[in-house]
Amino acid sequence: MFNDIKLAIIGDAFVGKTCMATRYVNDIFIQNTNCTTGNQFKRKIVQIEDKQIKFQIWDTAGQEKFRSLAYLYYRSAIAVILVFDVTNRETFNNLHYWIKEVKAKGDENAIIIIVGNKIDSQIREVAYNEAYQYASIQCVQYFETSALTGEGIDKVFTYLAKQCLNISTCTCITKDIKSCVHKQTLIIQRGCCW
């Protein structure tokens, strides 16, 4: 039996969302990836401990003209990855917009993490400590990755799979996570403070 996990990857355009998803699912890097229009969908089945997880990965468009549609993909997601480009401060500054959107329109129990991508670059505009501190203030975990080299990619998805297993093993009245009997316990386990 599979534990299905709907996961949304969101953030500004050109931060590497599609490259991250492709690196995780296919273990390849495509240099000249076109900008996502609308969304892309990928699947991957992984084994975590004694459970099989089926990730349903929704890669959303980050362009301004598609932002109003992004919530359609993260509103029912169990996990949301907010991605920014460590070489582009504007994408980091825009995390505030994305977090506000997810909190307003996403599942209130969704596991949210922030990922700084493109750490393979020699030039950084956002330091690790600054991003880590921002994530701490938002009460979410922070990871750094390179879709180019693959560094940190598996760590992100393994973390999410393990966190989502905590949700799926609770005793729920219905399949809706919001009605979970152990909701308060899950919030404590996930370190959520909002």
N, C-alpha and C. Protein backbone atom coordinates (compact mmCIF):
# COMPACT_ATOMS: atom_id res chain seq x y z
N MET A 1 0.84 -1.18 0.00
CA MET A 1 0.00 0.00 0.00
C MET A 1 0.88 1.25 0.00
N PHE A 2 0.47 2.24 -0.79
CA PHE A 2 1.24 3.47 -0.89
C PHE A 2 0.66 4.55 0.00
N ASN A 3 1.53 5.41 0.49
CA ASN A 3 1.13 6.65 1.13
C ASN A 3 1.30 7.73 0.08
N ASP A 4 0.20 8.26 -0.43
CA ASP A 4 0.25 9.30 -1.45
C ASP A 4 0.51 10.65 -0.81
N ILE A 5 1.48 11.35 -1.35
CA ILE A 5 1.83 12.67 -0.84
C ILE A 5 1.77 13.67 -1.99
N LYS A 6 0.81 14.58 -1.92
CA LYS A 6 0.74 15.66 -2.89
C LYS A 6 1.67 16.76 -2.40
N LEU A 7 2.61 17.12 -3.24
CA LEU A 7 3.64 18.08 -2.89
C LEU A 7 3.66 19.16 -3.97
N ALA A 8 3.70 20.41 -3.57
CA ALA A 8 3.77 21.52 -4.53
C ALA A 8 5.11 22.23 -4.37
N ILE A 9 5.72 22.54 -5.50
CA ILE A 9 6.97 23.33 -5.51
C ILE A 9 6.61 24.69 -6.08
N ILE A 10 6.80 25.74 -5.26
CA ILE A 10 6.42 27.08 -5.70
C ILE A 10 7.56 28.06 -5.45
N GLY A 11 7.46 29.19 -6.11
CA GLY A 11 8.46 30.25 -5.99
C GLY A 11 8.51 31.03 -7.29
N ASP A 12 9.37 32.03 -7.32
CA ASP A 12 9.49 32.87 -8.51
C ASP A 12 9.98 32.07 -9.71
N ALA A 13 9.84 32.67 -10.88
CA ALA A 13 10.33 32.08 -12.12
C ALA A 13 11.86 32.00 -12.09
N PHE A 14 12.40 30.98 -12.69
CA PHE A 14 13.85 30.78 -12.88
C PHE A 14 14.63 30.54 -11.59
N VAL A 15 13.98 30.03 -10.56
CA VAL A 15 14.70 29.69 -9.33
C VAL A 15 15.18 28.24 -9.34
N GLY A 16 14.67 27.45 -10.31
CA GLY A 16 15.11 26.06 -10.44
C GLY A 16 14.11 25.03 -9.95
N LYS A 17 12.84 25.39 -9.89
CA LYS A 17 11.81 24.45 -9.41
C LYS A 17 11.72 23.21 -10.29
N THR A 18 11.64 23.42 -11.58
CA THR A 18 11.54 22.30 -12.52
C THR A 18 12.81 21.47 -12.49
N CYS A 19 13.95 22.11 -12.42
CA CYS A 19 15.23 21.39 -12.37
C CYS A 19 15.35 20.56 -11.09
N MET A 20 14.85 21.09 -9.96
CA MET A 20 14.86 20.33 -8.72
C MET A 20 13.99 19.08 -8.84
N ALA A 21 12.79 19.24 -9.37
CA ALA A 21 11.87 18.11 -9.51
C ALA A 21 12.44 17.07 -10.47
N THR A 22 13.02 17.54 -11.57
CA THR A 22 13.60 16.62 -12.56
C THR A 22 14.81 15.90 -11.97
N ARG A 23 15.63 16.61 -11.22
CA ARG A 23 16.79 15.99 -10.58
C ARG A 23 16.33 14.90 -9.61
N TYR A 24 15.30 15.18 -8.84
CA TYR A 24 14.83 14.20 -7.86
C TYR A 24 14.19 12.98 -8.54
N VAL A 25 13.32 13.22 -9.50
CA VAL A 25 12.57 12.13 -10.12
C VAL A 25 13.42 11.32 -11.10
N ASN A 26 14.20 12.01 -11.94
CA ASN A 26 14.96 11.34 -13.01
C ASN A 26 16.46 11.33 -12.81
N ASP A 27 16.95 12.01 -11.76
CA ASP A 27 18.37 12.14 -11.47
C ASP A 27 19.16 12.67 -12.67
N ILE A 28 18.58 13.67 -13.33
CA ILE A 28 19.27 14.35 -14.43
C ILE A 28 19.10 15.86 -14.26
N PHE A 29 19.97 16.60 -14.93
CA PHE A 29 19.86 18.05 -14.96
C PHE A 29 19.74 18.47 -16.41
N ILE A 30 18.71 19.23 -16.72
CA ILE A 30 18.52 19.74 -18.09
C ILE A 30 18.91 21.21 -18.07
N GLN A 31 19.98 21.52 -18.77
CA GLN A 31 20.58 22.86 -18.72
C GLN A 31 19.62 23.97 -19.14
N ASN A 32 19.02 23.85 -20.28
CA ASN A 32 18.19 24.94 -20.81
C ASN A 32 16.70 24.62 -20.67
N THR A 33 16.23 24.59 -19.45
CA THR A 33 14.83 24.30 -19.18
C THR A 33 13.99 25.53 -19.50
N ASN A 34 12.90 25.32 -20.23
CA ASN A 34 11.98 26.41 -20.53
C ASN A 34 11.20 26.77 -19.28
N CYS A 35 10.74 27.99 -19.23
CA CYS A 35 9.94 28.45 -18.11
C CYS A 35 8.63 27.67 -18.09
N THR A 36 8.25 27.19 -16.93
CA THR A 36 7.00 26.42 -16.79
C THR A 36 5.81 27.35 -17.02
N THR A 37 4.87 26.89 -17.83
CA THR A 37 3.62 27.62 -18.02
C THR A 37 2.52 26.77 -17.42
N GLY A 38 1.81 27.32 -16.46
CA GLY A 38 0.78 26.55 -15.77
C GLY A 38 1.40 25.69 -14.70
N ASN A 39 1.58 24.40 -15.01
CA ASN A 39 2.20 23.49 -14.05
C ASN A 39 2.73 22.26 -14.78
N GLN A 40 3.57 21.52 -14.09
CA GLN A 40 4.04 20.22 -14.56
C GLN A 40 3.83 19.24 -13.41
N PHE A 41 3.60 18.00 -13.78
CA PHE A 41 3.32 16.97 -12.79
C PHE A 41 4.33 15.84 -12.94
N LYS A 42 4.91 15.42 -11.83
CA LYS A 42 5.85 14.30 -11.82
C LYS A 42 5.48 13.37 -10.68
N ARG A 43 5.88 12.11 -10.81
CA ARG A 43 5.64 11.11 -9.76
C ARG A 43 6.93 10.39 -9.44
N LYS A 44 7.05 10.00 -8.19
CA LYS A 44 8.17 9.15 -7.79
C LYS A 44 7.74 8.32 -6.59
N ILE A 45 8.07 7.03 -6.65
CA ILE A 45 7.79 6.12 -5.54
C ILE A 45 9.11 5.85 -4.83
N VAL A 46 9.10 6.05 -3.52
CA VAL A 46 10.30 5.83 -2.71
C VAL A 46 9.97 4.99 -1.50
N GLN A 47 10.98 4.35 -0.96
CA GLN A 47 10.85 3.54 0.25
C GLN A 47 11.45 4.33 1.40
N ILE A 48 10.66 4.60 2.42
CA ILE A 48 11.12 5.26 3.63
C ILE A 48 10.82 4.32 4.78
N GLU A 49 11.90 3.85 5.41
CA GLU A 49 11.77 2.84 6.46
C GLU A 49 11.02 1.65 5.87
N ASP A 50 9.86 1.28 6.43
CA ASP A 50 9.12 0.13 5.88
C ASP A 50 7.90 0.56 5.09
N LYS A 51 7.82 1.83 4.72
CA LYS A 51 6.66 2.35 4.00
C LYS A 51 7.04 2.78 2.58
N GLN A 52 6.08 2.59 1.66
CA GLN A 52 6.28 3.10 0.31
C GLN A 52 5.52 4.41 0.18
N ILE A 53 6.21 5.40 -0.33
CA ILE A 53 5.65 6.74 -0.51
C ILE A 53 5.54 7.00 -2.00
N LYS A 54 4.38 7.51 -2.42
CA LYS A 54 4.21 7.93 -3.80
C LYS A 54 4.07 9.45 -3.80
N PHE A 55 5.15 10.12 -4.22
CA PHE A 55 5.12 11.58 -4.33
C PHE A 55 4.37 11.97 -5.60
N GLN A 56 3.43 12.86 -5.47
CA GLN A 56 2.79 13.53 -6.60
C GLN A 56 3.32 14.95 -6.55
N ILE A 57 4.25 15.26 -7.42
CA ILE A 57 4.97 16.53 -7.36
C ILE A 57 4.38 17.50 -8.38
N TRP A 58 3.83 18.58 -7.88
CA TRP A 58 3.27 19.62 -8.74
C TRP A 58 4.26 20.78 -8.80
N ASP A 59 4.81 20.98 -9.98
CA ASP A 59 5.78 22.04 -10.25
C ASP A 59 5.01 23.20 -10.85
N THR A 60 4.90 24.30 -10.13
CA THR A 60 4.06 25.41 -10.57
C THR A 60 4.87 26.50 -11.26
N ALA A 61 4.19 27.25 -12.10
CA ALA A 61 4.82 28.37 -12.79
C ALA A 61 5.04 29.51 -11.81
N GLY A 62 6.19 30.16 -11.91
CA GLY A 62 6.49 31.26 -11.00
C GLY A 62 6.30 32.63 -11.61
N GLN A 63 6.02 32.67 -12.91
CA GLN A 63 5.85 33.96 -13.56
C GLN A 63 4.64 34.68 -12.99
N GLU A 64 4.74 36.00 -12.95
CA GLU A 64 3.69 36.86 -12.41
C GLU A 64 2.32 36.54 -13.02
N LYS A 65 2.25 36.33 -14.33
CA LYS A 65 0.95 36.12 -14.98
C LYS A 65 0.28 34.80 -14.59
N PHE A 66 1.05 33.86 -14.01
CA PHE A 66 0.47 32.57 -13.60
C PHE A 66 0.28 32.46 -12.08
N ARG A 67 0.67 33.48 -11.34
CA ARG A 67 0.60 33.40 -9.87
C ARG A 67 -0.82 33.18 -9.35
N SER A 68 -1.78 33.77 -10.03
CA SER A 68 -3.16 33.63 -9.55
C SER A 68 -3.66 32.20 -9.67
N LEU A 69 -3.00 31.37 -10.46
CA LEU A 69 -3.41 29.97 -10.62
C LEU A 69 -2.64 29.01 -9.71
N ALA A 70 -1.53 29.45 -9.17
CA ALA A 70 -0.66 28.56 -8.40
C ALA A 70 -1.38 27.91 -7.22
N TYR A 71 -2.28 28.67 -6.58
CA TYR A 71 -2.94 28.13 -5.40
C TYR A 71 -3.76 26.88 -5.72
N LEU A 72 -4.18 26.73 -6.97
CA LEU A 72 -4.94 25.53 -7.35
C LEU A 72 -4.14 24.26 -7.11
N TYR A 73 -2.82 24.38 -7.11
CA TYR A 73 -1.96 23.22 -6.96
C TYR A 73 -1.45 23.04 -5.53
N TYR A 74 -1.36 24.12 -4.76
CA TYR A 74 -0.88 23.95 -3.39
C TYR A 74 -1.99 23.98 -2.34
N ARG A 75 -3.21 24.31 -2.73
CA ARG A 75 -4.28 24.42 -1.74
C ARG A 75 -4.58 23.10 -1.03
N SER A 76 -4.37 21.97 -1.71
CA SER A 76 -4.63 20.68 -1.07
C SER A 76 -3.35 19.86 -0.91
N ALA A 77 -2.22 20.53 -1.02
CA ALA A 77 -0.93 19.83 -0.88
C ALA A 77 -0.64 19.53 0.58
N ILE A 78 -0.09 18.36 0.82
CA ILE A 78 0.33 17.98 2.17
C ILE A 78 1.65 18.68 2.51
N ALA A 79 2.45 18.92 1.47
CA ALA A 79 3.75 19.58 1.67
C ALA A 79 3.96 20.62 0.58
N VAL A 80 4.62 21.72 0.96
CA VAL A 80 4.92 22.80 0.01
C VAL A 80 6.39 23.17 0.15
N ILE A 81 7.08 23.16 -0.99
CA ILE A 81 8.48 23.60 -1.02
C ILE A 81 8.51 25.00 -1.64
N LEU A 82 8.97 25.97 -0.85
CA LEU A 82 9.14 27.34 -1.34
C LEU A 82 10.59 27.49 -1.76
N VAL A 83 10.82 27.74 -3.04
CA VAL A 83 12.18 27.79 -3.58
C VAL A 83 12.56 29.21 -3.94
N PHE A 84 13.79 29.56 -3.58
CA PHE A 84 14.38 30.81 -4.06
C PHE A 84 15.78 30.51 -4.58
N ASP A 85 16.32 31.46 -5.32
CA ASP A 85 17.64 31.34 -5.92
C ASP A 85 18.63 32.12 -5.06
N VAL A 86 19.62 31.44 -4.49
CA VAL A 86 20.58 32.12 -3.59
C VAL A 86 21.42 33.16 -4.32
N THR A 87 21.40 33.15 -5.64
CA THR A 87 22.15 34.14 -6.42
C THR A 87 21.30 35.34 -6.83
N ASN A 88 20.04 35.37 -6.38
CA ASN A 88 19.13 36.43 -6.78
C ASN A 88 18.31 36.89 -5.56
N ARG A 89 18.71 38.00 -4.96
CA ARG A 89 18.07 38.49 -3.74
C ARG A 89 16.58 38.74 -3.92
N GLU A 90 16.17 39.21 -5.07
CA GLU A 90 14.74 39.48 -5.29
C GLU A 90 13.89 38.23 -5.06
N THR A 91 14.38 37.06 -5.46
CA THR A 91 13.61 35.83 -5.27
C THR A 91 13.50 35.49 -3.78
N PHE A 92 14.52 35.83 -3.02
CA PHE A 92 14.48 35.65 -1.57
C PHE A 92 13.49 36.62 -0.94
N ASN A 93 13.55 37.89 -1.36
CA ASN A 93 12.63 38.89 -0.84
C ASN A 93 11.18 38.53 -1.14
N ASN A 94 10.93 37.86 -2.25
CA ASN A 94 9.57 37.49 -2.64
C ASN A 94 9.03 36.29 -1.86
N LEU A 95 9.86 35.65 -1.03
CA LEU A 95 9.37 34.54 -0.20
C LEU A 95 8.22 35.00 0.69
N HIS A 96 8.27 36.25 1.12
CA HIS A 96 7.20 36.78 1.97
C HIS A 96 5.85 36.65 1.27
N TYR A 97 5.81 36.99 -0.02
CA TYR A 97 4.58 36.86 -0.80
C TYR A 97 4.12 35.40 -0.83
N TRP A 98 5.04 34.48 -1.13
CA TRP A 98 4.68 33.07 -1.27
C TRP A 98 4.20 32.48 0.06
N ILE A 99 4.87 32.82 1.14
CA ILE A 99 4.46 32.31 2.46
C ILE A 99 3.07 32.83 2.81
N LYS A 100 2.84 34.10 2.56
CA LYS A 100 1.53 34.69 2.83
C LYS A 100 0.44 33.99 2.01
N GLU A 101 0.72 33.70 0.77
CA GLU A 101 -0.24 33.02 -0.11
C GLU A 101 -0.54 31.60 0.39
N VAL A 102 0.50 30.86 0.75
CA VAL A 102 0.31 29.48 1.20
C VAL A 102 -0.48 29.47 2.51
N LYS A 103 -0.16 30.37 3.41
CA LYS A 103 -0.89 30.41 4.68
C LYS A 103 -2.35 30.82 4.48
N ALA A 104 -2.61 31.68 3.50
CA ALA A 104 -3.98 32.14 3.25
C ALA A 104 -4.80 31.14 2.44
N LYS A 105 -4.17 30.48 1.47
CA LYS A 105 -4.94 29.66 0.53
C LYS A 105 -4.62 28.17 0.58
N GLY A 106 -3.54 27.81 1.28
CA GLY A 106 -3.15 26.40 1.36
C GLY A 106 -3.78 25.71 2.54
N ASP A 107 -3.51 24.43 2.66
CA ASP A 107 -3.99 23.65 3.79
C ASP A 107 -3.29 24.16 5.05
N GLU A 108 -4.05 24.44 6.09
CA GLU A 108 -3.46 25.00 7.31
C GLU A 108 -2.47 24.05 7.97
N ASN A 109 -2.55 22.76 7.65
CA ASN A 109 -1.65 21.78 8.24
C ASN A 109 -0.51 21.37 7.31
N ALA A 110 -0.41 22.02 6.18
CA ALA A 110 0.64 21.66 5.21
C ALA A 110 2.02 21.86 5.82
N ILE A 111 2.91 20.96 5.51
CA ILE A 111 4.30 21.09 5.91
C ILE A 111 4.96 22.02 4.89
N ILE A 112 5.52 23.09 5.37
CA ILE A 112 6.17 24.07 4.49
C ILE A 112 7.65 24.09 4.79
N ILE A 113 8.45 24.08 3.73
CA ILE A 113 9.89 24.26 3.90
C ILE A 113 10.37 25.30 2.89
N ILE A 114 11.49 25.91 3.20
CA ILE A 114 12.13 26.86 2.29
C ILE A 114 13.41 26.22 1.79
N VAL A 115 13.64 26.34 0.48
CA VAL A 115 14.85 25.79 -0.13
C VAL A 115 15.57 26.88 -0.90
N GLY A 116 16.84 27.09 -0.57
CA GLY A 116 17.71 27.98 -1.33
C GLY A 116 18.41 27.13 -2.37
N ASN A 117 18.14 27.37 -3.63
CA ASN A 117 18.70 26.57 -4.73
C ASN A 117 19.86 27.32 -5.41
N LYS A 118 20.61 26.60 -6.18
CA LYS A 118 21.76 27.09 -6.97
C LYS A 118 22.98 27.37 -6.10
N ILE A 119 23.18 26.56 -5.07
CA ILE A 119 24.34 26.76 -4.19
C ILE A 119 25.65 26.39 -4.86
N ASP A 120 25.59 25.81 -6.06
CA ASP A 120 26.80 25.49 -6.81
C ASP A 120 27.45 26.74 -7.39
N SER A 121 26.73 27.85 -7.43
CA SER A 121 27.24 29.09 -8.00
C SER A 121 28.32 29.71 -7.12
N GLN A 122 29.28 30.34 -7.73
CA GLN A 122 30.35 31.02 -6.99
C GLN A 122 29.87 32.34 -6.39
N ILE A 123 28.79 32.88 -6.95
CA ILE A 123 28.28 34.17 -6.50
C ILE A 123 26.98 33.96 -5.75
N ARG A 124 26.92 34.51 -4.52
CA ARG A 124 25.70 34.42 -3.71
C ARG A 124 25.26 35.82 -3.34
N GLU A 125 23.95 36.03 -3.38
CA GLU A 125 23.39 37.29 -2.89
C GLU A 125 22.68 37.09 -1.55
N VAL A 126 22.42 35.83 -1.20
CA VAL A 126 21.74 35.53 0.06
C VAL A 126 22.59 34.51 0.83
N ALA A 127 23.08 34.91 1.98
CA ALA A 127 23.92 34.04 2.80
C ALA A 127 23.08 32.97 3.49
N TYR A 128 23.71 31.84 3.78
CA TYR A 128 23.04 30.74 4.46
C TYR A 128 22.40 31.21 5.76
N ASN A 129 23.16 31.93 6.59
CA ASN A 129 22.65 32.35 7.90
C ASN A 129 21.43 33.26 7.79
N GLU A 130 21.42 34.13 6.79
CA GLU A 130 20.28 35.02 6.60
C GLU A 130 19.02 34.21 6.23
N ALA A 131 19.16 33.28 5.32
CA ALA A 131 18.02 32.46 4.90
C ALA A 131 17.55 31.55 6.03
N TYR A 132 18.50 30.98 6.75
CA TYR A 132 18.17 30.11 7.89
C TYR A 132 17.40 30.90 8.95
N GLN A 133 17.86 32.10 9.24
CA GLN A 133 17.19 32.94 10.24
C GLN A 133 15.78 33.30 9.79
N TYR A 134 15.62 33.63 8.51
CA TYR A 134 14.30 33.96 7.98
C TYR A 134 13.35 32.75 8.12
N ALA A 135 13.84 31.57 7.76
CA ALA A 135 13.03 30.36 7.88
C ALA A 135 12.64 30.11 9.34
N SER A 136 13.57 30.33 10.24
CA SER A 136 13.28 30.14 11.68
C SER A 136 12.18 31.08 12.14
N ILE A 137 12.22 32.32 11.69
CA ILE A 137 11.18 33.30 12.04
C ILE A 137 9.83 32.83 11.50
N GLN A 138 9.84 32.22 10.33
CA GLN A 138 8.60 31.73 9.72
C GLN A 138 8.17 30.36 10.28
N CYS A 139 8.99 29.79 11.16
CA CYS A 139 8.72 28.48 11.78
C CYS A 139 8.69 27.35 10.76
N VAL A 140 9.63 27.41 9.81
CA VAL A 140 9.76 26.34 8.82
C VAL A 140 11.22 25.91 8.73
N GLN A 141 11.44 24.72 8.19
CA GLN A 141 12.80 24.22 8.01
C GLN A 141 13.43 24.87 6.78
N TYR A 142 14.76 24.97 6.81
CA TYR A 142 15.49 25.54 5.68
C TYR A 142 16.50 24.52 5.17
N PHE A 143 16.55 24.39 3.84
CA PHE A 143 17.50 23.51 3.17
C PHE A 143 18.15 24.27 2.04
N GLU A 144 19.35 23.82 1.65
CA GLU A 144 20.00 24.36 0.46
C GLU A 144 20.27 23.22 -0.50
N THR A 145 20.12 23.54 -1.79
CA THR A 145 20.29 22.52 -2.82
C THR A 145 21.00 23.07 -4.05
N SER A 146 21.44 22.13 -4.86
CA SER A 146 21.92 22.44 -6.20
C SER A 146 21.28 21.41 -7.13
N ALA A 147 20.35 21.87 -7.95
CA ALA A 147 19.76 20.97 -8.94
C ALA A 147 20.81 20.55 -9.96
N LEU A 148 21.80 21.41 -10.19
CA LEU A 148 22.87 21.10 -11.14
C LEU A 148 23.68 19.89 -10.69
N THR A 149 24.14 19.90 -9.45
CA THR A 149 24.98 18.79 -8.95
C THR A 149 24.19 17.71 -8.22
N GLY A 150 22.98 18.04 -7.80
CA GLY A 150 22.16 17.11 -7.03
C GLY A 150 22.34 17.25 -5.53
N GLU A 151 23.25 18.10 -5.11
CA GLU A 151 23.52 18.27 -3.68
C GLU A 151 22.27 18.72 -2.93
N GLY A 152 21.93 18.00 -1.88
CA GLY A 152 20.83 18.36 -0.99
C GLY A 152 19.43 17.98 -1.48
N ILE A 153 19.29 17.57 -2.73
CA ILE A 153 17.96 17.29 -3.29
C ILE A 153 17.29 16.13 -2.55
N ASP A 154 17.97 15.00 -2.43
CA ASP A 154 17.38 13.85 -1.74
C ASP A 154 17.05 14.17 -0.29
N LYS A 155 17.89 14.96 0.34
CA LYS A 155 17.68 15.33 1.74
C LYS A 155 16.34 16.05 1.92
N VAL A 156 16.01 16.95 1.00
CA VAL A 156 14.75 17.70 1.06
C VAL A 156 13.56 16.74 0.99
N PHE A 157 13.57 15.87 -0.01
CA PHE A 157 12.41 14.99 -0.22
C PHE A 157 12.32 13.90 0.85
N THR A 158 13.45 13.43 1.34
CA THR A 158 13.43 12.44 2.42
C THR A 158 12.86 13.07 3.69
N TYR A 159 13.27 14.30 3.98
CA TYR A 159 12.72 15.01 5.14
C TYR A 159 11.20 15.12 5.02
N LEU A 160 10.73 15.55 3.85
CA LEU A 160 9.28 15.71 3.66
C LEU A 160 8.55 14.39 3.77
N ALA A 161 9.11 13.33 3.21
CA ALA A 161 8.47 12.01 3.28
C ALA A 161 8.32 11.59 4.74
N LYS A 162 9.37 11.75 5.52
CA LYS A 162 9.31 11.36 6.93
C LYS A 162 8.31 12.21 7.70
N GLN A 163 8.25 13.50 7.43
CA GLN A 163 7.28 14.37 8.10
C GLN A 163 5.86 13.99 7.70
N CYS A 164 5.66 13.70 6.43
CA CYS A 164 4.32 13.32 5.96
C CYS A 164 3.89 11.97 6.52
N LEU A 165 4.82 11.07 6.76
CA LEU A 165 4.48 9.79 7.38
C LEU A 165 3.91 10.01 8.78
N ASN A 166 4.41 11.01 9.48
CA ASN A 166 3.87 11.34 10.80
C ASN A 166 2.38 11.70 10.69
N ILE A 167 2.02 12.40 9.62
CA ILE A 167 0.63 12.78 9.41
C ILE A 167 -0.20 11.56 9.04
N SER A 168 0.28 10.76 8.10
CA SER A 168 -0.53 9.67 7.57
C SER A 168 -0.71 8.52 8.56
N THR A 169 0.08 8.47 9.62
CA THR A 169 -0.07 7.38 10.58
C THR A 169 -0.94 7.78 11.78
N CYS A 170 -1.48 9.00 11.79
CA CYS A 170 -2.34 9.39 12.89
C CYS A 170 -3.73 8.76 12.71
N THR A 171 -4.50 8.74 13.78
CA THR A 171 -5.85 8.21 13.71
C THR A 171 -6.78 9.34 13.32
N CYS A 172 -7.32 9.29 12.12
CA CYS A 172 -8.17 10.35 11.62
C CYS A 172 -9.63 9.90 11.56
N ILE A 173 -10.53 10.81 11.83
CA ILE A 173 -11.96 10.54 11.73
C ILE A 173 -12.32 10.39 10.25
N THR A 174 -11.76 11.24 9.41
CA THR A 174 -11.96 11.16 7.96
C THR A 174 -10.59 11.22 7.32
N LYS A 175 -10.56 11.20 6.00
CA LYS A 175 -9.28 11.31 5.31
C LYS A 175 -8.76 12.74 5.31
N ASP A 176 -9.59 13.68 5.76
CA ASP A 176 -9.20 15.07 5.81
C ASP A 176 -8.26 15.29 7.00
N ILE A 177 -7.05 15.73 6.73
CA ILE A 177 -6.05 15.91 7.78
C ILE A 177 -6.54 16.92 8.83
N LYS A 178 -7.34 17.88 8.42
CA LYS A 178 -7.81 18.90 9.35
C LYS A 178 -8.62 18.31 10.50
N SER A 179 -9.24 17.15 10.29
CA SER A 179 -10.06 16.57 11.33
C SER A 179 -9.32 15.51 12.14
N CYS A 180 -8.03 15.50 12.02
CA CYS A 180 -7.23 14.48 12.70
C CYS A 180 -7.36 14.61 14.22
N VAL A 181 -7.61 13.50 14.87
CA VAL A 181 -7.76 13.48 16.31
C VAL A 181 -6.48 13.95 17.00
N HIS A 182 -5.34 13.61 16.41
CA HIS A 182 -4.05 13.94 17.03
C HIS A 182 -3.43 15.21 16.43
N LYS A 183 -4.26 16.14 16.03
CA LYS A 183 -3.78 17.36 15.38
C LYS A 183 -2.75 18.10 16.22
N GLN A 184 -3.01 18.29 17.48
CA GLN A 184 -2.07 19.02 18.33
C GLN A 184 -0.73 18.30 18.43
N THR A 185 -0.76 16.98 18.51
CA THR A 185 0.48 16.20 18.57
C THR A 185 1.27 16.39 17.29
N LEU A 186 0.58 16.38 16.16
CA LEU A 186 1.26 16.56 14.88
C LEU A 186 1.91 17.93 14.79
N ILE A 187 1.21 18.93 15.27
CA ILE A 187 1.77 20.28 15.23
C ILE A 187 3.06 20.34 16.04
N ILE A 188 3.07 19.71 17.19
CA ILE A 188 4.28 19.67 18.02
C ILE A 188 5.38 18.90 17.32
N GLN A 189 5.06 17.73 16.73
CA GLN A 189 6.06 16.92 16.04
C GLN A 189 6.68 17.68 14.87
N ARG A 190 5.86 18.45 14.16
CA ARG A 190 6.35 19.13 12.98
C ARG A 190 7.03 20.45 13.31
N GLY A 191 6.92 20.88 14.54
CA GLY A 191 7.55 22.13 14.92
C GLY A 191 6.83 23.34 14.36
N CYS A 192 5.57 23.20 14.05
CA CYS A 192 4.80 24.28 13.44
C CYS A 192 4.35 25.26 14.51
N CYS A 193 4.39 26.53 14.18
CA CYS A 193 3.94 27.49 15.18
C CYS A 193 2.97 28.50 14.60
N TRP A 194 2.25 28.12 13.57
CA TRP A 194 1.21 29.02 13.06
C TRP A 194 -0.06 28.30 12.76
